């Protein structure tokens, strides 16, 4: 065989070897990731039912100290939380030492300080469980039970980006009024035999107070995030205009996501994937009111999108507002781990998980049967939306590795740059085959021993 033929044959064999090696490694990594996703799901399900118990036998720390230490840039609480029941018990029972009007916003709330100095946000009951909120998808008062249900859905989805929430009954006459500020106290009134208050907010009116059943008011309390983690507010790129006849760009521009991808912080890092996770989360709970969102300050897009203020949810079980999913169906990308988790939750698992997670809450039952069924149906719609994307673009373009830096998506060309730290190696850039991994992921493909 001539030398030229040998070189050509050797080159062909080398290319086949590299193709096979990368393909097998990619499949092995994907299988390992899928197995870990499945294990994480089983761990979540095993610890889903949280009994509110007061004891913290293994530590001298207070519940508030433990919860504060949980918070890190990418999660509010860890995957395994044996202390969660004790923290939620404290939120639901600790003595209220101060009560004030809530922080600025459109909806009625109160800011409470619990024994030990912990701040919580109290949202009062406005509707019975079976009340249907008609009108626009963002219509009506805040729903306190929606905050509770949304927190547990955050646990079920494995996001861990929502502050802790638990239901609580408070006696307005004996627990709130004696420790209320003058500003809050001035908004109290009596309607019939019921004690009521209307607080201070953009839409708070004396003619529309929240009323207790006698003196006892049902509500939700949300744990205030530690002050060492200041929040930064961002306008949601898929926010609504809230003006009749005025559409936001995303509502008429089919290429809107392409423009978002070129804008900081959505042009790199995890923020765009967080937006899409949040769209799925909001669609399942029926929340069409996320006009802004919060992250930690000075994070340069690296920290999570924090799932705050979820009370405009579970208003109308018959309304499936598809526009909430716009980030998903316009960008057609979703985290592999999110996709796996959604598939694990089908066939009635989501409904059962929500029932189990909320069973021990003080205000249980948290959701009515129609709302649980609605979440199940919306899950099917999310799965169908992702299926449409994968049919159109292929699963390798749609299902994105969780930790992929979006600024380093591979462009299809025969050979790429040298692997950082390995100048003798180059990255073989094959569209689809590498599942659009970033260079950081590709380093793992070429680690010693592979």
Protein backbone atom coordinates (compact mmCIF):
# COMPACT_ATOMS: atom_id res chain seq x y z
CA UNK A 1 0.00 0.00 0.00
CA UNK A 2 1.37 3.38 -0.97
CA UNK A 3 2.32 5.87 1.73
CA UNK A 4 -0.35 8.35 0.58
CA UNK A 5 -3.06 5.69 0.82
CA UNK A 6 -1.84 4.71 4.30
CA UNK A 7 -2.00 8.34 5.48
CA UNK A 8 -5.53 8.74 4.11
CA UNK A 9 -6.66 5.47 5.72
CA UNK A 10 -5.05 6.44 9.02
CA UNK A 11 -6.76 9.84 8.92
CA UNK A 12 -10.15 8.19 8.27
CA UNK A 13 -9.63 5.74 11.12
CA UNK A 14 -8.59 8.58 13.41
CA UNK A 15 -11.71 10.59 12.60
CA UNK A 16 -13.91 7.52 13.16
CA UNK A 17 -12.15 6.87 16.46
CA UNK A 18 -12.67 10.47 17.63
CA UNK A 19 -16.31 10.46 16.52
CA UNK A 20 -16.94 7.18 18.34
CA UNK A 21 -15.09 8.23 21.46
CA UNK A 22 -16.85 11.57 21.78
CA UNK A 23 -20.23 10.03 21.00
CA UNK A 24 -19.80 7.29 23.61
CA UNK A 25 -18.54 9.72 26.24
CA UNK A 26 -21.42 12.06 25.53
CA UNK A 27 -23.90 9.22 25.89
CA UNK A 28 -22.21 7.95 29.04
CA UNK A 29 -22.25 11.43 30.57
CA UNK A 30 -25.89 11.90 29.59
CA UNK A 31 -26.85 8.53 31.06
CA UNK A 32 -25.01 9.37 34.28
CA UNK A 33 -26.74 12.75 34.44
CA UNK A 34 -30.11 11.10 33.86
CA UNK A 35 -29.46 8.58 36.59
CA UNK A 36 -28.51 11.36 38.99
CA UNK A 37 -31.68 13.29 38.05
CA UNK A 38 -33.70 10.17 38.82
CA UNK A 39 -31.96 9.68 42.17
CA UNK A 40 -32.55 13.34 43.03
CA UNK A 41 -36.23 12.91 42.19
CA UNK A 42 -36.55 9.89 44.47
CA UNK A 43 -34.78 11.76 47.28
CA UNK A 44 -37.21 14.65 46.86
CA UNK A 45 -40.23 12.36 46.93
CA UNK A 46 -38.94 10.55 50.02
CA UNK A 47 -38.61 13.83 51.93
CA UNK A 48 -41.66 15.54 50.48
CA UNK A 49 -44.04 15.23 53.45
CA UNK A 50 -42.89 17.76 56.04
CA UNK A 51 -44.29 17.46 59.55
CA UNK A 52 -44.15 20.70 61.53
CA UNK A 53 -42.25 19.75 64.66
CA UNK A 54 -40.53 22.11 67.12
CA UNK A 55 -37.40 20.12 67.95
CA UNK A 56 -33.89 20.72 66.65
CA UNK A 57 -32.09 18.04 68.63
CA UNK A 58 -28.80 18.01 66.75
CA UNK A 59 -27.92 21.71 66.95
CA UNK A 60 -27.88 24.68 69.29
CA UNK A 61 -28.67 27.06 66.44
CA UNK A 62 -32.04 28.75 66.16
CA UNK A 63 -34.33 27.93 63.23
CA UNK A 64 -33.63 31.40 61.84
CA UNK A 65 -29.85 30.87 61.89
CA UNK A 66 -30.18 27.57 60.07
CA UNK A 67 -32.44 29.02 57.37
CA UNK A 68 -30.08 31.99 56.88
CA UNK A 69 -27.09 29.69 56.41
CA UNK A 70 -28.93 27.72 53.75
CA UNK A 71 -29.01 30.64 51.32
CA UNK A 72 -26.34 30.59 48.58
CA UNK A 73 -26.26 32.18 45.11
CA UNK A 74 -28.03 29.27 43.39
CA UNK A 75 -30.51 28.05 46.03
CA UNK A 76 -32.55 29.31 48.99
CA UNK A 77 -32.51 25.93 50.74
CA UNK A 78 -30.52 22.74 50.16
CA UNK A 79 -31.71 19.50 48.62
CA UNK A 80 -31.85 17.70 51.96
CA UNK A 81 -33.52 19.70 54.73
CA UNK A 82 -34.11 17.66 57.91
CA UNK A 83 -34.62 20.95 59.80
CA UNK A 84 -37.34 22.22 57.44
CA UNK A 85 -40.21 21.05 59.65
CA UNK A 86 -38.78 22.84 62.69
CA UNK A 87 -38.23 26.07 60.76
CA UNK A 88 -41.75 26.03 59.34
CA UNK A 89 -43.15 25.20 62.79
CA UNK A 90 -41.37 28.27 64.15
CA UNK A 91 -42.77 30.40 61.31
CA UNK A 92 -46.29 29.17 62.09
CA UNK A 93 -46.15 29.48 65.90
CA UNK A 94 -43.45 31.84 67.18
CA UNK A 95 -44.70 34.88 69.09
CA UNK A 96 -45.20 38.04 67.03
CA UNK A 97 -43.23 40.87 68.66
CA UNK A 98 -43.92 43.58 66.08
CA UNK A 99 -46.36 44.18 63.22
CA UNK A 100 -46.14 46.86 60.55
CA UNK A 101 -47.52 47.66 57.11
CA UNK A 102 -45.91 45.62 54.35
CA UNK A 103 -43.16 46.75 52.04
CA UNK A 104 -44.28 48.79 49.05
CA UNK A 105 -46.26 46.98 46.37
CA UNK A 106 -49.70 46.64 44.85
CA UNK A 107 -51.21 44.12 47.28
CA UNK A 108 -52.12 44.03 50.97
CA UNK A 109 -49.57 42.44 53.27
CA UNK A 110 -48.12 42.95 56.74
CA UNK A 111 -44.53 42.77 57.88
CA UNK A 112 -44.19 40.78 61.10
CA UNK A 113 -41.20 40.33 63.39
CA UNK A 114 -41.22 36.98 65.17
CA UNK A 115 -39.55 36.09 68.44
CA UNK A 116 -35.83 35.88 67.78
CA UNK A 117 -35.92 38.85 65.42
CA UNK A 118 -36.96 37.03 62.24
CA UNK A 119 -38.91 39.04 59.64
CA UNK A 120 -41.76 37.38 57.76
CA UNK A 121 -44.35 38.66 55.30
CA UNK A 122 -47.97 37.91 56.20
CA UNK A 123 -50.54 37.72 53.39
CA UNK A 124 -54.15 37.46 54.57
CA UNK A 125 -56.85 35.18 53.24
CA UNK A 126 -59.11 36.87 50.69
CA UNK A 127 -60.93 34.00 49.01
CA UNK A 128 -62.32 30.59 49.90
CA UNK A 129 -60.54 27.66 48.25
CA UNK A 130 -63.25 27.10 45.67
CA UNK A 131 -63.55 30.76 44.63
CA UNK A 132 -62.81 31.31 40.93
CA UNK A 133 -61.11 34.59 39.99
CA UNK A 134 -62.61 35.74 36.70
CA UNK A 135 -61.18 38.24 34.23
CA UNK A 136 -57.59 38.80 33.18
CA UNK A 137 -55.08 36.10 34.18
CA UNK A 138 -53.54 38.56 36.66
CA UNK A 139 -56.87 39.74 38.11
CA UNK A 140 -57.99 39.63 41.72
CA UNK A 141 -56.37 39.90 45.13
CA UNK A 142 -53.30 37.93 46.15
CA UNK A 143 -54.05 34.34 47.17
CA UNK A 144 -52.30 33.38 50.39
CA UNK A 145 -52.72 29.65 49.78
CA UNK A 146 -51.09 30.08 46.37
CA UNK A 147 -47.89 31.21 48.11
CA UNK A 148 -47.90 28.01 50.16
CA UNK A 149 -48.60 25.77 47.16
CA UNK A 150 -46.01 27.54 44.99
CA UNK A 151 -43.28 27.01 47.59
CA UNK A 152 -43.95 23.29 47.65
CA UNK A 153 -44.06 23.13 43.85
CA UNK A 154 -40.61 24.75 43.88
CA UNK A 155 -39.48 21.84 46.08
CA UNK A 156 -41.13 19.30 43.81
CA UNK A 157 -39.50 20.72 40.68
CA UNK A 158 -36.12 20.73 42.42
CA UNK A 159 -35.50 24.43 41.74
CA UNK A 160 -35.10 25.48 45.40
CA UNK A 161 -35.40 29.16 44.47
CA UNK A 162 -38.50 30.15 46.45
CA UNK A 163 -38.33 31.49 50.03
CA UNK A 164 -39.93 29.29 52.67
CA UNK A 165 -43.70 29.71 53.08
CA UNK A 166 -46.16 28.20 55.55
CA UNK A 167 -49.77 28.81 56.47
CA UNK A 168 -50.61 30.46 59.78
CA UNK A 169 -53.63 31.52 61.81
CA UNK A 170 -53.23 34.78 63.74
CA UNK A 171 -55.54 36.48 66.24
CA UNK A 172 -55.69 40.10 65.11
CA UNK A 173 -56.99 41.35 68.45
CA UNK A 174 -54.50 39.58 70.77
CA UNK A 175 -51.44 38.93 68.55
CA UNK A 176 -51.32 41.84 66.10
CA UNK A 177 -52.98 44.94 67.51
CA UNK A 178 -50.94 45.05 70.78
CA UNK A 179 -47.65 45.11 68.83
CA UNK A 180 -48.79 46.98 65.72
CA UNK A 181 -47.24 50.25 64.61
CA UNK A 182 -49.46 53.32 64.49
CA UNK A 183 -49.42 53.19 60.71
CA UNK A 184 -50.80 49.65 60.64
CA UNK A 185 -53.13 50.17 63.59
CA UNK A 186 -54.79 53.12 61.84
CA UNK A 187 -56.03 50.76 59.12
CA UNK A 188 -57.96 48.46 61.46
CA UNK A 189 -61.75 48.48 61.50
CA UNK A 190 -64.67 46.25 62.43
CA UNK A 191 -67.09 44.88 59.86
CA UNK A 192 -70.01 43.16 61.55
CA UNK A 193 -68.41 40.92 64.16
CA UNK A 194 -65.14 40.60 62.25
CA UNK A 195 -61.85 42.41 62.80
CA UNK A 196 -60.40 43.73 59.54
CA UNK A 197 -57.49 45.81 58.23
CA UNK A 198 -56.58 47.30 54.86
CA UNK A 199 -52.92 48.24 55.34
CA UNK A 200 -50.86 50.43 53.02
CA UNK A 201 -50.22 49.57 49.40
CA UNK A 202 -50.91 50.82 45.89
CA UNK A 203 -54.32 49.14 45.68
CA UNK A 204 -55.17 49.11 49.40
CA UNK A 205 -58.54 50.74 50.10
CA UNK A 206 -60.55 51.23 53.27
CA UNK A 207 -63.52 49.95 51.29
CA UNK A 208 -61.70 46.67 50.52
CA UNK A 209 -60.26 45.40 53.80
CA UNK A 210 -59.18 41.84 54.58
CA UNK A 211 -61.38 40.47 57.35
CA UNK A 212 -60.83 37.76 59.92
CA UNK A 213 -63.37 35.19 61.00
CA UNK A 214 -64.16 37.04 64.19
CA UNK A 215 -60.65 37.83 65.38
CA UNK A 216 -58.85 34.86 63.81
CA UNK A 217 -57.34 35.42 60.36
CA UNK A 218 -55.94 32.75 58.08
CA UNK A 219 -52.91 33.68 56.02
CA UNK A 220 -49.46 32.74 54.82
CA UNK A 221 -46.07 33.77 56.16
CA UNK A 222 -43.02 34.01 53.89
CA UNK A 223 -39.57 33.93 55.44
CA UNK A 224 -37.59 37.10 54.76
CA UNK A 225 -34.28 36.44 53.01
CA UNK A 226 -31.17 37.32 55.05
CA UNK A 227 -30.14 40.98 54.86
CA UNK A 228 -26.62 39.90 53.87
CA UNK A 229 -28.15 38.93 50.52
CA UNK A 230 -29.55 42.24 49.17
CA UNK A 231 -31.88 41.89 46.21
CA UNK A 232 -31.75 43.51 42.80
CA UNK A 233 -34.96 44.00 40.84
CA UNK A 234 -35.09 43.38 37.09
CA UNK A 235 -37.79 43.94 34.52
CA UNK A 236 -38.87 40.58 33.14
CA UNK A 237 -38.05 40.40 29.41
CA UNK A 238 -41.43 38.75 28.82
CA UNK A 239 -43.36 41.14 31.07
CA UNK A 240 -46.77 42.49 30.09
CA UNK A 241 -47.59 46.15 29.44
CA UNK A 242 -50.78 46.05 31.57
CA UNK A 243 -52.23 48.60 29.16
CA UNK A 244 -55.27 47.77 27.09
CA UNK A 245 -54.46 47.69 23.39
CA UNK A 246 -50.71 47.99 24.02
CA UNK A 247 -48.75 44.81 23.27
CA UNK A 248 -45.27 44.05 24.50
CA UNK A 249 -42.73 43.21 21.79
CA UNK A 250 -42.70 39.51 22.68
CA UNK A 251 -46.44 39.33 21.97
CA UNK A 252 -46.03 40.13 18.26
CA UNK A 253 -42.36 39.51 17.37
CA UNK A 254 -41.68 35.83 16.68
CA UNK A 255 -37.91 36.45 16.71
CA UNK A 256 -38.00 38.21 20.08
CA UNK A 257 -35.94 35.55 21.85
CA UNK A 258 -33.06 36.13 19.44
CA UNK A 259 -32.95 39.75 20.60
CA UNK A 260 -33.08 38.69 24.28
CA UNK A 261 -30.13 36.33 23.76
CA UNK A 262 -28.00 39.29 22.67
CA UNK A 263 -28.80 41.30 25.80
CA UNK A 264 -27.06 41.06 29.18
CA UNK A 265 -27.52 39.06 31.38
CA UNK A 266 -29.27 36.68 28.98
CA UNK A 267 -26.33 36.45 26.57
CA UNK A 268 -24.31 34.32 28.99
CA UNK A 269 -24.65 32.41 32.22
CA UNK A 270 -27.73 30.67 33.61
CA UNK A 271 -30.24 33.55 33.62
CA UNK A 272 -32.08 32.72 30.39
CA UNK A 273 -32.47 29.10 31.48
CA UNK A 274 -33.80 30.39 34.81
CA UNK A 275 -36.33 32.51 32.91
CA UNK A 276 -37.52 29.40 31.08
CA UNK A 277 -37.68 27.34 34.29
CA UNK A 278 -39.74 30.15 35.79
CA UNK A 279 -42.09 30.18 32.79
CA UNK A 280 -42.76 26.48 33.37
CA UNK A 281 -43.25 27.08 37.09
CA UNK A 282 -45.60 30.03 36.49
CA UNK A 283 -47.61 28.17 33.88
CA UNK A 284 -48.22 25.25 36.22
CA UNK A 285 -49.52 27.59 38.95
CA UNK A 286 -51.31 29.94 36.54
CA UNK A 287 -49.23 33.02 37.42
CA UNK A 288 -49.30 35.58 34.60
CA UNK A 289 -48.12 38.46 36.78
CA UNK A 290 -44.32 38.17 36.84
CA UNK A 291 -43.62 41.60 35.39
CA UNK A 292 -40.39 41.90 37.41
CA UNK A 293 -38.12 39.45 39.15
CA UNK A 294 -35.35 39.55 41.75
CA UNK A 295 -31.83 38.21 41.92
CA UNK A 296 -29.01 38.88 44.35
CA UNK A 297 -27.17 42.15 43.79
CA UNK A 298 -23.92 42.44 41.83
CA UNK A 299 -24.21 38.90 40.58
CA UNK A 300 -23.48 39.64 36.90
CA UNK A 301 -26.17 37.17 35.95
CA UNK A 302 -24.67 34.28 37.91
CA UNK A 303 -27.16 33.95 40.76
CA UNK A 304 -30.61 32.45 40.49
CA UNK A 305 -33.86 34.11 39.56
CA UNK A 306 -35.58 34.11 42.96
CA UNK A 307 -39.20 32.94 42.89
CA UNK A 308 -40.74 35.69 45.02
CA UNK A 309 -44.37 36.85 45.13
CA UNK A 310 -46.29 33.89 43.71
CA UNK A 311 -49.68 34.88 45.12
CA UNK A 312 -51.32 35.75 41.79
CA UNK A 313 -51.65 32.03 41.15
CA UNK A 314 -54.30 29.31 41.33
CA UNK A 315 -57.03 31.83 40.58
CA UNK A 316 -58.97 30.10 37.82
CA UNK A 317 -58.48 26.36 37.24
CA UNK A 318 -60.32 26.58 33.91
CA UNK A 319 -57.94 29.18 32.46
CA UNK A 320 -54.70 27.99 30.88
CA UNK A 321 -52.87 31.18 29.90
CA UNK A 322 -50.50 29.84 27.25
CA UNK A 323 -48.70 33.16 26.87
CA UNK A 324 -46.99 32.44 30.21
CA UNK A 325 -44.96 29.82 28.32
CA UNK A 326 -43.70 32.32 25.73
CA UNK A 327 -40.05 32.13 26.88
CA UNK A 328 -40.17 28.35 26.37
CA UNK A 329 -41.87 28.19 22.97
CA UNK A 330 -40.06 31.23 21.55
CA UNK A 331 -36.55 30.20 22.67
CA UNK A 332 -37.14 26.44 22.40
CA UNK A 333 -34.52 25.53 25.00
CA UNK A 334 -34.92 23.95 28.43
CA UNK A 335 -32.59 22.41 30.99
CA UNK A 336 -32.18 18.65 30.71
CA UNK A 337 -32.76 18.32 34.46
CA UNK A 338 -36.00 20.31 34.23
CA UNK A 339 -37.17 18.20 31.30
CA UNK A 340 -36.38 15.00 33.20
CA UNK A 341 -38.16 16.21 36.33
CA UNK A 342 -41.29 17.17 34.35
CA UNK A 343 -41.41 13.71 32.82
CA UNK A 344 -41.09 12.05 36.23
CA UNK A 345 -44.12 14.08 37.40
CA UNK A 346 -46.61 13.02 34.73
CA UNK A 347 -49.33 10.36 35.07
CA UNK A 348 -50.74 11.81 38.30
CA UNK A 349 -47.45 12.10 40.19
CA UNK A 350 -47.54 15.93 40.28
CA UNK A 351 -51.00 16.01 41.84
CA UNK A 352 -50.09 13.37 44.40
CA UNK A 353 -46.84 15.19 45.23
CA UNK A 354 -48.62 18.51 45.80
CA UNK A 355 -51.16 16.84 48.05
CA UNK A 356 -48.46 15.07 50.03
CA UNK A 357 -46.21 18.13 50.35
CA UNK A 358 -48.99 20.36 51.69
CA UNK A 359 -50.78 17.76 53.84
CA UNK A 360 -49.27 18.95 57.14
CA UNK A 361 -49.55 22.67 56.51
CA UNK A 362 -51.64 24.46 59.18
CA UNK A 363 -54.10 25.72 56.52
CA UNK A 364 -54.43 22.35 54.74
CA UNK A 365 -56.12 21.58 52.40
CA UNK A 366 -54.10 24.22 50.56
CA UNK A 367 -55.56 23.68 47.07
CA UNK A 368 -58.97 22.55 45.87
CA UNK A 369 -59.34 19.51 43.66
CA UNK A 370 -59.94 21.56 40.46
CA UNK A 371 -56.65 23.42 40.94
CA UNK A 372 -54.74 20.18 41.46
CA UNK A 373 -56.29 18.76 38.30
CA UNK A 374 -55.47 21.98 36.44
CA UNK A 375 -51.78 21.67 37.36
CA UNK A 376 -51.82 18.13 35.98
CA UNK A 377 -53.30 19.27 32.67
CA UNK A 378 -50.87 22.16 32.37
CA UNK A 379 -47.98 19.77 32.87
CA UNK A 380 -49.11 17.88 29.77
CA UNK A 381 -49.18 21.17 27.85
CA UNK A 382 -45.60 21.93 28.89
CA UNK A 383 -44.44 18.49 27.78
CA UNK A 384 -46.25 18.91 24.46
CA UNK A 385 -44.62 22.32 23.93
CA UNK A 386 -41.13 20.88 24.44
CA UNK A 387 -42.05 18.01 22.09
CA UNK A 388 -42.98 20.53 19.39
CA UNK A 389 -39.60 22.19 19.85
CA UNK A 390 -37.67 18.93 19.65
CA UNK A 391 -39.64 17.86 16.56
CA UNK A 392 -38.70 21.15 14.88
CA UNK A 393 -35.10 21.63 16.00
CA UNK A 394 -34.02 18.27 17.36
CA UNK A 395 -33.49 17.29 21.01
CA UNK A 396 -29.79 18.19 20.95
CA UNK A 397 -30.62 21.83 20.22
CA UNK A 398 -33.51 22.05 22.70
CA UNK A 399 -32.34 20.07 25.73
CA UNK A 400 -29.51 22.09 27.25
CA UNK A 401 -26.95 20.87 29.74
CA UNK A 402 -27.62 22.55 33.07
CA UNK A 403 -24.27 24.21 33.65
CA UNK A 404 -23.54 25.17 30.07
CA UNK A 405 -22.30 28.78 29.71
CA UNK A 406 -24.58 30.14 26.99
CA UNK A 407 -21.88 32.50 25.74
CA UNK A 408 -19.86 29.52 24.49
CA UNK A 409 -22.35 27.65 22.34
CA UNK A 410 -20.43 25.70 19.73
CA UNK A 411 -20.67 26.81 16.13
CA UNK A 412 -20.64 24.04 13.49
CA UNK A 413 -17.20 23.87 11.85
CA UNK A 414 -14.70 21.03 11.34
CA UNK A 415 -12.23 21.86 14.09
CA UNK A 416 -12.26 24.34 16.90
CA UNK A 417 -9.74 25.95 19.24
CA UNK A 418 -7.34 24.15 21.48
CA UNK A 419 -8.76 22.92 24.75
CA UNK A 420 -7.64 25.35 27.50
CA UNK A 421 -4.71 23.82 29.35
CA UNK A 422 -4.24 21.18 26.62
CA UNK A 423 -2.61 22.90 23.61
CA UNK A 424 -2.06 19.54 21.92
CA UNK A 425 -5.80 18.88 21.79
CA UNK A 426 -8.42 20.55 19.63
CA UNK A 427 -12.18 20.49 20.04
CA UNK A 428 -14.01 18.58 17.36
CA UNK A 429 -17.10 20.72 16.76
CA UNK A 430 -19.91 18.55 15.53
CA UNK A 431 -23.40 20.08 15.38
CA UNK A 432 -25.76 18.09 17.58
CA UNK A 433 -23.24 15.41 18.52
CA UNK A 434 -21.80 17.31 21.48
CA UNK A 435 -25.25 18.44 22.66
CA UNK A 436 -23.96 22.03 22.39
CA UNK A 437 -21.57 21.70 25.30
CA UNK A 438 -19.41 24.66 26.27
CA UNK A 439 -15.63 24.55 26.43
CA UNK A 440 -15.78 23.98 30.16
CA UNK A 441 -17.79 20.81 29.57
CA UNK A 442 -15.46 19.73 26.77
CA UNK A 443 -12.52 19.88 29.13
CA UNK A 444 -14.18 17.05 31.02
CA UNK A 445 -14.31 14.99 27.81
CA UNK A 446 -10.53 15.19 27.56
CA UNK A 447 -9.60 14.74 31.18
CA UNK A 448 -6.83 12.21 31.91
CA UNK A 449 -7.97 8.65 31.55
CA UNK A 450 -10.58 9.34 28.87
